[in-house]
Amino acid sequence: MNQPTRLKALSSFLMAQRAKLSPQDAGLTPGTRRRTPGLRREEVAQLAGVSPTWYTWLEQGRDIKVSASVLEAVSSALRLDADERKYLFALALESGAGPSSLREDTAGISPPLRRILDELQTCPTIISDRHCHIVGWNEAASHVFMDFERIPAEKRNMIALLFERKEFRRLAGNWEHFISGFLAIFRAYYGQYVDDDWYETFLRDMTAAYPDFNPLWEKSRVSAAPEVLIEFRHARAGKMLFHLTSLQLQGNSDLRCSIYTPDPDSPTETKLRQLMEKGKSPQ
């Protein structure tokens, strides 16, 4: 496909997908004076966390620089499924293979995996991809860590959140010990996907943004499945002890399941149940 044809197809695809979504579908206020169906360009830009001008240029099929992470945000804003996302990446990045450096299933986790998450009622559990982007979690994780739903999808990188959010620094009794498990997994991925330029960009950005990142990264170990005992000091529940078990999920999606099991010799499970019950009570 030559470039003019590719960019024209990209433009048509984005406009068609935008027209399918109503403001209500996207959680926006409908407003008035809508002359055409679907979302406005500036609304898609708002949902994706990009500038209206940049998104307009993308939809117009202009030859602009496009990154995989921003395309991921646009995909989420337009609620594309896995095949639609692959098509978008192929057109925008001129790659017939699609987003090879990203997780295979960017549309979310499968229904069976969601069922497993829901069944782990008192075990905070997080599903992440090979970039440590959080793609799924259960209710218990929302109560112990944070409500990940409030964080834009493109910002849900576990490594970045550990350094960025003060909630995590306050939560961990020993923050460096807490983060060491994640960095060990991240380094294992880094070695496995050494040809993926995303890692170098991410490491460079983290080093520039957080002075304490590089020293911890340099001394981090390599472990695909670390098992550690972690002490949390929750703002409402107090001291909580969890055993972290990290499991690599089988299949081509390259997802990882991080399960925090309450320590059986502590009152952690009771505290978690009380925390979750209070969260369900009317405010």
C-alpha atoms as a PDB file:
ATOM      1  CA  MET A   1       0.000   0.000   0.000  1.00  0.00           C
ATOM      2  CA  ASN A   2       1.531   3.334  -1.045  1.00  0.00           C
ATOM      3  CA  GLN A   3       1.612   6.173   1.457  1.00  0.00           C
ATOM      4  CA  PRO A   4      -1.226   8.380   0.060  1.00  0.00           C
ATOM      5  CA  THR A   5      -3.534   5.368  -0.101  1.00  0.00           C
ATOM      6  CA  ARG A   6      -2.510   4.225   3.372  1.00  0.00           C
ATOM      7  CA  LEU A   7      -3.118   7.655   4.910  1.00  0.00           C
ATOM      8  CA  LYS A   8      -6.476   7.980   3.150  1.00  0.00           C
ATOM      9  CA  ALA A   9      -7.520   4.583   4.509  1.00  0.00           C
ATOM     10  CA  LEU A  10      -6.383   5.655   7.983  1.00  0.00           C
ATOM     11  CA  SER A  11      -8.462   8.829   7.743  1.00  0.00           C
ATOM     12  CA  SER A  12     -11.572   6.965   6.628  1.00  0.00           C
ATOM     13  CA  PHE A  13     -11.202   4.360   9.326  1.00  0.00           C
ATOM     14  CA  LEU A  14     -10.822   6.889  12.146  1.00  0.00           C
ATOM     15  CA  MET A  15     -13.798   8.937  10.989  1.00  0.00           C
ATOM     16  CA  ALA A  16     -15.959   5.832  10.706  1.00  0.00           C
ATOM     17  CA  GLN A  17     -15.026   4.623  14.179  1.00  0.00           C
ATOM     18  CA  ARG A  18     -15.610   8.070  15.691  1.00  0.00           C
ATOM     19  CA  ALA A  19     -19.068   8.230  14.117  1.00  0.00           C
ATOM     20  CA  LYS A  20     -20.040   4.942  15.793  1.00  0.00           C
ATOM     21  CA  LEU A  21     -19.554   6.271  19.326  1.00  0.00           C
ATOM     22  CA  SER A  22     -22.085   8.453  21.069  1.00  0.00           C
ATOM     23  CA  PRO A  23     -21.103  10.805  23.901  1.00  0.00           C
ATOM     24  CA  GLN A  24     -23.036   8.538  26.266  1.00  0.00           C
ATOM     25  CA  ASP A  25     -20.993   5.534  25.106  1.00  0.00           C
ATOM     26  CA  ALA A  26     -17.822   7.413  26.023  1.00  0.00           C
ATOM     27  CA  GLY A  27     -19.154   8.694  29.325  1.00  0.00           C
ATOM     28  CA  LEU A  28     -19.464  12.287  28.114  1.00  0.00           C
ATOM     29  CA  THR A  29     -22.312  14.779  28.414  1.00  0.00           C
ATOM     30  CA  PRO A  30     -24.258  14.828  25.113  1.00  0.00           C
ATOM     31  CA  GLY A  31     -24.658  18.599  24.950  1.00  0.00           C
ATOM     32  CA  THR A  32     -26.573  20.236  22.118  1.00  0.00           C
ATOM     33  CA  ARG A  33     -26.177  21.384  18.518  1.00  0.00           C
ATOM     34  CA  ARG A  34     -24.631  18.186  17.187  1.00  0.00           C
ATOM     35  CA  ARG A  35     -24.903  18.277  13.428  1.00  0.00           C
ATOM     36  CA  THR A  36     -23.350  14.852  12.842  1.00  0.00           C
ATOM     37  CA  PRO A  37     -23.588  11.544  14.727  1.00  0.00           C
ATOM     38  CA  GLY A  38     -20.813  10.294  16.933  1.00  0.00           C
ATOM     39  CA  LEU A  39     -18.083  12.020  18.878  1.00  0.00           C
ATOM     40  CA  ARG A  40     -16.416  15.245  17.879  1.00  0.00           C
ATOM     41  CA  ARG A  41     -12.702  15.225  17.114  1.00  0.00           C
ATOM     42  CA  GLU A  42     -11.921  17.279  20.201  1.00  0.00           C
ATOM     43  CA  GLU A  43     -13.799  14.742  22.332  1.00  0.00           C
ATOM     44  CA  VAL A  44     -11.728  11.865  20.987  1.00  0.00           C
ATOM     45  CA  ALA A  45      -8.615  13.927  21.660  1.00  0.00           C
ATOM     46  CA  GLN A  46      -9.794  14.563  25.219  1.00  0.00           C
ATOM     47  CA  LEU A  47     -10.441  10.872  25.850  1.00  0.00           C
ATOM     48  CA  ALA A  48      -7.071   9.899  24.375  1.00  0.00           C
ATOM     49  CA  GLY A  49      -5.131  12.582  26.225  1.00  0.00           C
ATOM     50  CA  VAL A  50      -3.744  14.199  23.071  1.00  0.00           C
ATOM     51  CA  SER A  51      -4.110  17.671  21.623  1.00  0.00           C
ATOM     52  CA  PRO A  52      -7.132  18.337  19.367  1.00  0.00           C
ATOM     53  CA  THR A  53      -4.799  19.613  16.656  1.00  0.00           C
ATOM     54  CA  TRP A  54      -2.694  16.440  16.673  1.00  0.00           C
ATOM     55  CA  TYR A  55      -5.741  14.186  16.507  1.00  0.00           C
ATOM     56  CA  THR A  56      -7.256  16.297  13.716  1.00  0.00           C
ATOM     57  CA  TRP A  57      -4.071  15.920  11.698  1.00  0.00           C
ATOM     58  CA  LEU A  58      -4.070  12.161  12.324  1.00  0.00           C
ATOM     59  CA  GLU A  59      -7.667  11.826  11.191  1.00  0.00           C
ATOM     60  CA  GLN A  60      -7.037  14.024   8.168  1.00  0.00           C
ATOM     61  CA  GLY A  61      -4.368  11.554   7.075  1.00  0.00           C
ATOM     62  CA  ARG A  62      -1.468  13.964   7.355  1.00  0.00           C
ATOM     63  CA  ASP A  63       2.025  12.510   7.349  1.00  0.00           C
ATOM     64  CA  ILE A  64       2.862  13.089  11.024  1.00  0.00           C
ATOM     65  CA  LYS A  65       4.974  11.251  13.580  1.00  0.00           C
ATOM     66  CA  VAL A  66       2.917   8.654  15.439  1.00  0.00           C
ATOM     67  CA  SER A  67       4.006   6.613  18.454  1.00  0.00           C
ATOM     68  CA  ALA A  68       2.658   3.257  19.524  1.00  0.00           C
ATOM     69  CA  SER A  69       1.709   4.547  22.978  1.00  0.00           C
ATOM     70  CA  VAL A  70      -0.408   7.366  21.543  1.00  0.00           C
ATOM     71  CA  LEU A  71      -2.080   4.981  19.106  1.00  0.00           C
ATOM     72  CA  GLU A  72      -2.891   2.798  22.083  1.00  0.00           C
ATOM     73  CA  ALA A  73      -4.585   5.776  23.744  1.00  0.00           C
ATOM     74  CA  VAL A  74      -6.561   6.569  20.563  1.00  0.00           C
ATOM     75  CA  SER A  75      -7.573   2.917  20.293  1.00  0.00           C
ATOM     76  CA  SER A  76      -8.910   2.976  23.845  1.00  0.00           C
ATOM     77  CA  ALA A  77     -10.755   6.251  23.257  1.00  0.00           C
ATOM     78  CA  LEU A  78     -12.465   4.789  20.184  1.00  0.00           C
ATOM     79  CA  ARG A  79     -13.109   1.475  21.962  1.00  0.00           C
ATOM     80  CA  LEU A  80     -11.524  -0.593  19.228  1.00  0.00           C
ATOM     81  CA  ASP A  81     -11.428  -4.366  19.539  1.00  0.00           C
ATOM     82  CA  ALA A  82      -8.279  -6.416  18.979  1.00  0.00           C
ATOM     83  CA  ASP A  83      -8.647  -6.712  15.201  1.00  0.00           C
ATOM     84  CA  GLU A  84      -9.517  -3.039  14.808  1.00  0.00           C
ATOM     85  CA  ARG A  85      -6.482  -2.034  16.830  1.00  0.00           C
ATOM     86  CA  LYS A  86      -4.196  -4.180  14.721  1.00  0.00           C
ATOM     87  CA  TYR A  87      -5.652  -2.562  11.629  1.00  0.00           C
ATOM     88  CA  LEU A  88      -5.112   0.930  13.061  1.00  0.00           C
ATOM     89  CA  PHE A  89      -1.495   0.155  13.949  1.00  0.00           C
ATOM     90  CA  ALA A  90      -0.858  -1.339  10.516  1.00  0.00           C
ATOM     91  CA  LEU A  91      -2.138   1.806   8.802  1.00  0.00           C
ATOM     92  CA  ALA A  92      -0.610   4.364  11.145  1.00  0.00           C
ATOM     93  CA  LEU A  93       2.798   2.689  11.518  1.00  0.00           C
ATOM     94  CA  GLU A  94       2.886   1.224   8.004  1.00  0.00           C
ATOM     95  CA  SER A  95       3.374  -2.239   9.406  1.00  0.00           C
ATOM     96  CA  GLY A  96       1.452  -5.214   8.144  1.00  0.00           C
ATOM     97  CA  ALA A  97       2.243  -7.061  11.355  1.00  0.00           C
ATOM     98  CA  GLY A  98       0.412  -4.527  13.513  1.00  0.00           C
ATOM     99  CA  PRO A  99       1.587  -3.423  16.972  1.00  0.00           C
ATOM    100  CA  SER A 100       4.280  -6.073  17.367  1.00  0.00           C
ATOM    101  CA  SER A 101       5.918  -4.304  20.292  1.00  0.00           C
ATOM    102  CA  LEU A 102       2.673  -4.194  22.253  1.00  0.00           C
ATOM    103  CA  ARG A 103       0.594  -6.906  23.847  1.00  0.00           C
ATOM    104  CA  GLU A 104      -1.236  -9.153  21.410  1.00  0.00           C
ATOM    105  CA  ASP A 105      -4.670  -8.635  22.915  1.00  0.00           C
ATOM    106  CA  THR A 106      -4.945  -4.924  23.597  1.00  0.00           C
ATOM    107  CA  ALA A 107      -8.708  -5.008  23.854  1.00  0.00           C
ATOM    108  CA  GLY A 108      -8.604  -6.395  27.374  1.00  0.00           C
ATOM    109  CA  ILE A 109      -8.640  -9.716  29.154  1.00  0.00           C
ATOM    110  CA  SER A 110     -10.732 -12.727  28.193  1.00  0.00           C
ATOM    111  CA  PRO A 111     -14.011 -13.580  29.954  1.00  0.00           C
ATOM    112  CA  PRO A 112     -12.501 -16.720  31.576  1.00  0.00           C
ATOM    113  CA  LEU A 113      -9.630 -14.674  32.960  1.00  0.00           C
ATOM    114  CA  ARG A 114     -12.068 -12.039  34.208  1.00  0.00           C
ATOM    115  CA  ARG A 115     -13.955 -14.837  35.991  1.00  0.00           C
ATOM    116  CA  ILE A 116     -10.737 -15.940  37.696  1.00  0.00           C
ATOM    117  CA  LEU A 117     -10.062 -12.360  38.802  1.00  0.00           C
ATOM    118  CA  ASP A 118     -13.541 -12.057  40.297  1.00  0.00           C
ATOM    119  CA  GLU A 119     -13.212 -15.386  42.115  1.00  0.00           C
ATOM    120  CA  LEU A 120     -10.033 -14.190  43.872  1.00  0.00           C
ATOM    121  CA  GLN A 121     -12.168 -12.077  46.166  1.00  0.00           C
ATOM    122  CA  THR A 122      -9.695 -11.573  49.010  1.00  0.00           C
ATOM    123  CA  CYS A 123      -6.528 -11.716  46.915  1.00  0.00           C
ATOM    124  CA  PRO A 124      -5.730  -8.384  45.243  1.00  0.00           C
ATOM    125  CA  THR A 125      -4.767  -9.362  41.701  1.00  0.00           C
ATOM    126  CA  ILE A 126      -3.378  -7.407  38.761  1.00  0.00           C
ATOM    127  CA  ILE A 127      -2.997  -8.528  35.132  1.00  0.00           C
ATOM    128  CA  SER A 128      -0.233  -6.795  33.172  1.00  0.00           C
ATOM    129  CA  ASP A 129       1.399  -7.127  29.762  1.00  0.00           C
ATOM    130  CA  ARG A 130       5.091  -7.397  28.875  1.00  0.00           C
ATOM    131  CA  HIS A 131       5.501  -3.633  29.205  1.00  0.00           C
ATOM    132  CA  CYS A 132       4.010  -3.834  32.719  1.00  0.00           C
ATOM    133  CA  HIS A 133       0.916  -1.983  31.502  1.00  0.00           C
ATOM    134  CA  ILE A 134      -2.048  -2.918  33.696  1.00  0.00           C
ATOM    135  CA  VAL A 135      -4.797  -4.483  31.594  1.00  0.00           C
ATOM    136  CA  GLY A 136      -6.960  -5.977  34.344  1.00  0.00           C
ATOM    137  CA  TRP A 137      -7.527  -6.054  38.095  1.00  0.00           C
ATOM    138  CA  ASN A 138     -10.110  -7.160  40.613  1.00  0.00           C
ATOM    139  CA  GLU A 139     -12.114  -5.355  43.270  1.00  0.00           C
ATOM    140  CA  ALA A 140      -9.676  -6.269  46.030  1.00  0.00           C
ATOM    141  CA  ALA A 141      -6.825  -4.622  44.118  1.00  0.00           C
ATOM    142  CA  SER A 142      -8.851  -1.422  43.809  1.00  0.00           C
ATOM    143  CA  HIS A 143      -9.298  -1.297  47.582  1.00  0.00           C
ATOM    144  CA  VAL A 144      -5.699  -2.090  48.525  1.00  0.00           C
ATOM    145  CA  PHE A 145      -3.866  -0.130  45.825  1.00  0.00           C
ATOM    146  CA  MET A 146      -6.019   2.431  44.024  1.00  0.00           C
ATOM    147  CA  ASP A 147      -8.966   2.638  41.675  1.00  0.00           C
ATOM    148  CA  PHE A 148      -7.130   2.015  38.415  1.00  0.00           C
ATOM    149  CA  GLU A 149     -10.303   2.896  36.507  1.00  0.00           C
ATOM    150  CA  ARG A 150      -9.659   6.537  37.399  1.00  0.00           C
ATOM    151  CA  ILE A 151      -6.295   6.423  35.651  1.00  0.00           C
ATOM    152  CA  PRO A 152      -6.248   6.807  31.822  1.00  0.00           C
ATOM    153  CA  ALA A 153      -5.457   3.493  30.142  1.00  0.00           C
ATOM    154  CA  GLU A 154      -2.229   4.794  28.609  1.00  0.00           C
ATOM    155  CA  LYS A 155      -1.019   5.857  32.082  1.00  0.00           C
ATOM    156  CA  ARG A 156      -1.554   2.475  33.743  1.00  0.00           C
ATOM    157  CA  ASN A 157       2.043   1.359  33.656  1.00  0.00           C
ATOM    158  CA  MET A 158       2.833  -0.311  36.976  1.00  0.00           C
ATOM    159  CA  ILE A 159       6.501   0.682  37.025  1.00  0.00           C
ATOM    160  CA  ALA A 160       5.724   4.334  36.270  1.00  0.00           C
ATOM    161  CA  LEU A 161       2.888   4.424  38.815  1.00  0.00           C
ATOM    162  CA  LEU A 162       5.157   3.094  41.556  1.00  0.00           C
ATOM    163  CA  PHE A 163       7.400   6.120  41.145  1.00  0.00           C
ATOM    164  CA  GLU A 164       4.771   8.666  40.171  1.00  0.00           C
ATOM    165  CA  ARG A 165       1.999   8.111  42.696  1.00  0.00           C
ATOM    166  CA  LYS A 166       2.564   9.052  46.318  1.00  0.00           C
ATOM    167  CA  GLU A 167      -0.101   6.530  47.306  1.00  0.00           C
ATOM    168  CA  PHE A 168       2.253   3.674  46.439  1.00  0.00           C
ATOM    169  CA  ARG A 169       5.196   5.181  48.287  1.00  0.00           C
ATOM    170  CA  ARG A 170       3.053   5.595  51.405  1.00  0.00           C
ATOM    171  CA  LEU A 171       1.497   2.155  51.058  1.00  0.00           C
ATOM    172  CA  ALA A 172       4.662   0.057  51.088  1.00  0.00           C
ATOM    173  CA  GLY A 173       6.347  -0.449  54.440  1.00  0.00           C
ATOM    174  CA  ASN A 174       9.594  -0.911  52.510  1.00  0.00           C
ATOM    175  CA  TRP A 175       9.107   0.777  49.174  1.00  0.00           C
ATOM    176  CA  GLU A 176      12.418  -0.374  47.655  1.00  0.00           C
ATOM    177  CA  HIS A 177      11.606  -3.958  48.586  1.00  0.00           C
ATOM    178  CA  PHE A 178       8.137  -3.555  47.117  1.00  0.00           C
ATOM    179  CA  ILE A 179       9.366  -2.243  43.799  1.00  0.00           C
ATOM    180  CA  SER A 180      12.222  -4.741  43.517  1.00  0.00           C
ATOM    181  CA  GLY A 181       9.832  -7.513  42.489  1.00  0.00           C
ATOM    182  CA  PHE A 182       8.380  -5.459  39.666  1.00  0.00           C
ATOM    183  CA  LEU A 183      11.783  -4.340  38.438  1.00  0.00           C
ATOM    184  CA  ALA A 184      12.943  -7.962  38.451  1.00  0.00           C
ATOM    185  CA  ILE A 185      10.049  -8.918  36.190  1.00  0.00           C
ATOM    186  CA  PHE A 186      10.616  -5.853  34.027  1.00  0.00           C
ATOM    187  CA  ARG A 187      14.300  -6.718  33.561  1.00  0.00           C
ATOM    188  CA  ALA A 188      13.347 -10.256  32.569  1.00  0.00           C
ATOM    189  CA  TYR A 189      11.074  -8.853  29.875  1.00  0.00           C
ATOM    190  CA  TYR A 190      13.758  -6.383  28.848  1.00  0.00           C
ATOM    191  CA  GLY A 191      16.168  -9.212  28.135  1.00  0.00           C
ATOM    192  CA  GLN A 192      13.548 -11.262  26.343  1.00  0.00           C
ATOM    193  CA  TYR A 193      12.480  -8.448  24.041  1.00  0.00           C
ATOM    194  CA  VAL A 194      15.793  -6.694  23.552  1.00  0.00           C
ATOM    195  CA  ASP A 195      14.828  -5.636  20.020  1.00  0.00           C
ATOM    196  CA  ASP A 196      11.785  -3.739  21.267  1.00  0.00           C
ATOM    197  CA  ASP A 197      12.730  -0.050  21.179  1.00  0.00           C
ATOM    198  CA  TRP A 198       9.910   0.745  23.602  1.00  0.00           C
ATOM    199  CA  TYR A 199      12.021  -0.387  26.542  1.00  0.00           C
ATOM    200  CA  GLU A 200      14.894   1.974  25.806  1.00  0.00           C
ATOM    201  CA  THR A 201      12.516   4.897  25.426  1.00  0.00           C
ATOM    202  CA  PHE A 202      10.724   4.011  28.641  1.00  0.00           C
ATOM    203  CA  LEU A 203      13.954   3.613  30.615  1.00  0.00           C
ATOM    204  CA  ARG A 204      15.258   6.927  29.305  1.00  0.00           C
ATOM    205  CA  ASP A 205      12.018   8.711  30.227  1.00  0.00           C
ATOM    206  CA  MET A 206      11.934   7.166  33.712  1.00  0.00           C
ATOM    207  CA  THR A 207      15.565   8.088  34.377  1.00  0.00           C
ATOM    208  CA  ALA A 208      14.902  11.680  33.355  1.00  0.00           C
ATOM    209  CA  ALA A 209      11.714  11.985  35.398  1.00  0.00           C
ATOM    210  CA  TYR A 210      12.693  10.201  38.633  1.00  0.00           C
ATOM    211  CA  PRO A 211      16.225  10.531  40.106  1.00  0.00           C
ATOM    212  CA  ASP A 212      15.810   7.416  42.249  1.00  0.00           C
ATOM    213  CA  PHE A 213      14.785   5.193  39.335  1.00  0.00           C
ATOM    214  CA  ASN A 214      18.152   4.513  37.733  1.00  0.00           C
ATOM    215  CA  PRO A 215      19.990   3.397  40.917  1.00  0.00           C
ATOM    216  CA  LEU A 216      17.210   0.906  41.637  1.00  0.00           C
ATOM    217  CA  TRP A 217      17.095  -0.225  38.026  1.00  0.00           C
ATOM    218  CA  GLU A 218      20.855  -0.753  37.875  1.00  0.00           C
ATOM    219  CA  LYS A 219      20.838  -3.028  40.909  1.00  0.00           C
ATOM    220  CA  SER A 220      17.624  -4.850  40.076  1.00  0.00           C
ATOM    221  CA  ARG A 221      17.756  -8.596  39.676  1.00  0.00           C
ATOM    222  CA  VAL A 222      16.202 -10.705  36.931  1.00  0.00           C
ATOM    223  CA  SER A 223      13.275 -12.911  37.859  1.00  0.00           C
ATOM    224  CA  ALA A 224      10.310 -13.953  35.755  1.00  0.00           C
ATOM    225  CA  ALA A 225       8.307 -15.032  38.814  1.00  0.00           C
ATOM    226  CA  PRO A 226       9.493 -13.523  42.121  1.00  0.00           C
ATOM    227  CA  GLU A 227       7.758 -14.576  45.334  1.00  0.00           C
ATOM    228  CA  VAL A 228       8.088 -12.092  48.177  1.00  0.00           C
ATOM    229  CA  LEU A 229       6.371 -11.155  51.438  1.00  0.00           C
ATOM    230  CA  ILE A 230       5.271  -7.518  51.355  1.00  0.00           C
ATOM    231  CA  GLU A 231       4.120  -5.323  54.204  1.00  0.00           C
ATOM    232  CA  PHE A 232       1.603  -2.622  53.390  1.00  0.00           C
ATOM    233  CA  ARG A 233       0.554   0.216  55.648  1.00  0.00           C
ATOM    234  CA  HIS A 234      -2.875   0.997  54.339  1.00  0.00           C
ATOM    235  CA  ALA A 235      -4.343   4.409  55.151  1.00  0.00           C
ATOM    236  CA  ARG A 236      -7.610   2.880  56.415  1.00  0.00           C
ATOM    237  CA  ALA A 237      -6.790  -0.750  57.250  1.00  0.00           C
ATOM    238  CA  GLY A 238      -3.389  -0.319  58.853  1.00  0.00           C
ATOM    239  CA  LYS A 239      -0.701  -2.990  58.604  1.00  0.00           C
ATOM    240  CA  MET A 240      -1.362  -5.698  56.002  1.00  0.00           C
ATOM    241  CA  LEU A 241       0.896  -8.582  54.943  1.00  0.00           C
ATOM    242  CA  PHE A 242       0.700 -10.175  51.508  1.00  0.00           C
ATOM    243  CA  HIS A 243       2.612 -12.906  49.711  1.00  0.00           C
ATOM    244  CA  LEU A 244       3.184 -11.877  46.091  1.00  0.00           C
ATOM    245  CA  THR A 245       3.030 -14.677  43.547  1.00  0.00           C
ATOM    246  CA  SER A 246       3.660 -13.800  39.896  1.00  0.00           C
ATOM    247  CA  LEU A 247       2.424 -16.173  37.207  1.00  0.00           C
ATOM    248  CA  GLN A 248       3.077 -16.078  33.476  1.00  0.00           C
ATOM    249  CA  LEU A 249      -0.172 -16.835  31.639  1.00  0.00           C
ATOM    250  CA  GLN A 250       0.044 -19.357  28.847  1.00  0.00           C
ATOM    251  CA  GLY A 251      -0.870 -18.388  25.292  1.00  0.00           C
ATOM    252  CA  ASN A 252       0.271 -15.742  22.824  1.00  0.00           C
ATOM    253  CA  SER A 253      -0.995 -12.728  24.760  1.00  0.00           C
ATOM    254  CA  ASP A 254       2.098 -12.590  27.009  1.00  0.00           C
ATOM    255  CA  LEU A 255       0.170 -11.531  30.085  1.00  0.00           C
ATOM    256  CA  ARG A 256       1.222 -11.858  33.720  1.00  0.00           C
ATOM    257  CA  CYS A 257      -0.921 -12.377  36.790  1.00  0.00           C
ATOM    258  CA  SER A 258       0.335 -10.853  40.067  1.00  0.00           C
ATOM    259  CA  ILE A 259      -1.574 -12.268  43.036  1.00  0.00           C
ATOM    260  CA  TYR A 260      -1.293 -10.822  46.549  1.00  0.00           C
ATOM    261  CA  THR A 261      -2.354 -13.534  48.987  1.00  0.00           C
ATOM    262  CA  PRO A 262      -3.099 -12.405  52.572  1.00  0.00           C
ATOM    263  CA  ASP A 263      -0.599 -13.816  55.063  1.00  0.00           C
ATOM    264  CA  PRO A 264      -2.470 -16.581  56.969  1.00  0.00           C
ATOM    265  CA  ASP A 265      -0.740 -15.736  60.255  1.00  0.00           C
ATOM    266  CA  SER A 266      -1.962 -12.134  60.205  1.00  0.00           C
ATOM    267  CA  PRO A 267      -5.394 -10.446  60.327  1.00  0.00           C
ATOM    268  CA  THR A 268      -4.888  -9.174  56.777  1.00  0.00           C
ATOM    269  CA  GLU A 269      -7.772 -11.073  55.183  1.00  0.00           C
ATOM    270  CA  THR A 270     -10.209  -9.891  57.864  1.00  0.00           C
ATOM    271  CA  LYS A 271      -9.051  -6.305  57.391  1.00  0.00           C
ATOM    272  CA  LEU A 272      -9.451  -6.602  53.626  1.00  0.00           C
ATOM    273  CA  ARG A 273     -12.996  -7.957  53.923  1.00  0.00           C
ATOM    274  CA  GLN A 274     -13.912  -5.088  56.242  1.00  0.00           C
ATOM    275  CA  LEU A 275     -12.333  -2.609  53.854  1.00  0.00           C
ATOM    276  CA  MET A 276     -14.328  -3.964  50.923  1.00  0.00           C
ATOM    277  CA  GLU A 277     -17.585  -4.007  52.916  1.00  0.00           C
ATOM    278  CA  LYS A 278     -17.128  -0.380  53.901  1.00  0.00           C
ATOM    279  CA  GLY A 279     -16.518   0.460  50.260  1.00  0.00           C
ATOM    280  CA  LYS A 280     -19.917  -0.994  49.364  1.00  0.00           C
ATOM    281  CA  SER A 281     -21.745   0.940  52.072  1.00  0.00           C
ATOM    282  CA  PRO A 282     -23.634   4.128  51.068  1.00  0.00           C
ATOM    283  CA  GLN A 283     -21.560   7.225  51.698  1.00  0.00           C
END
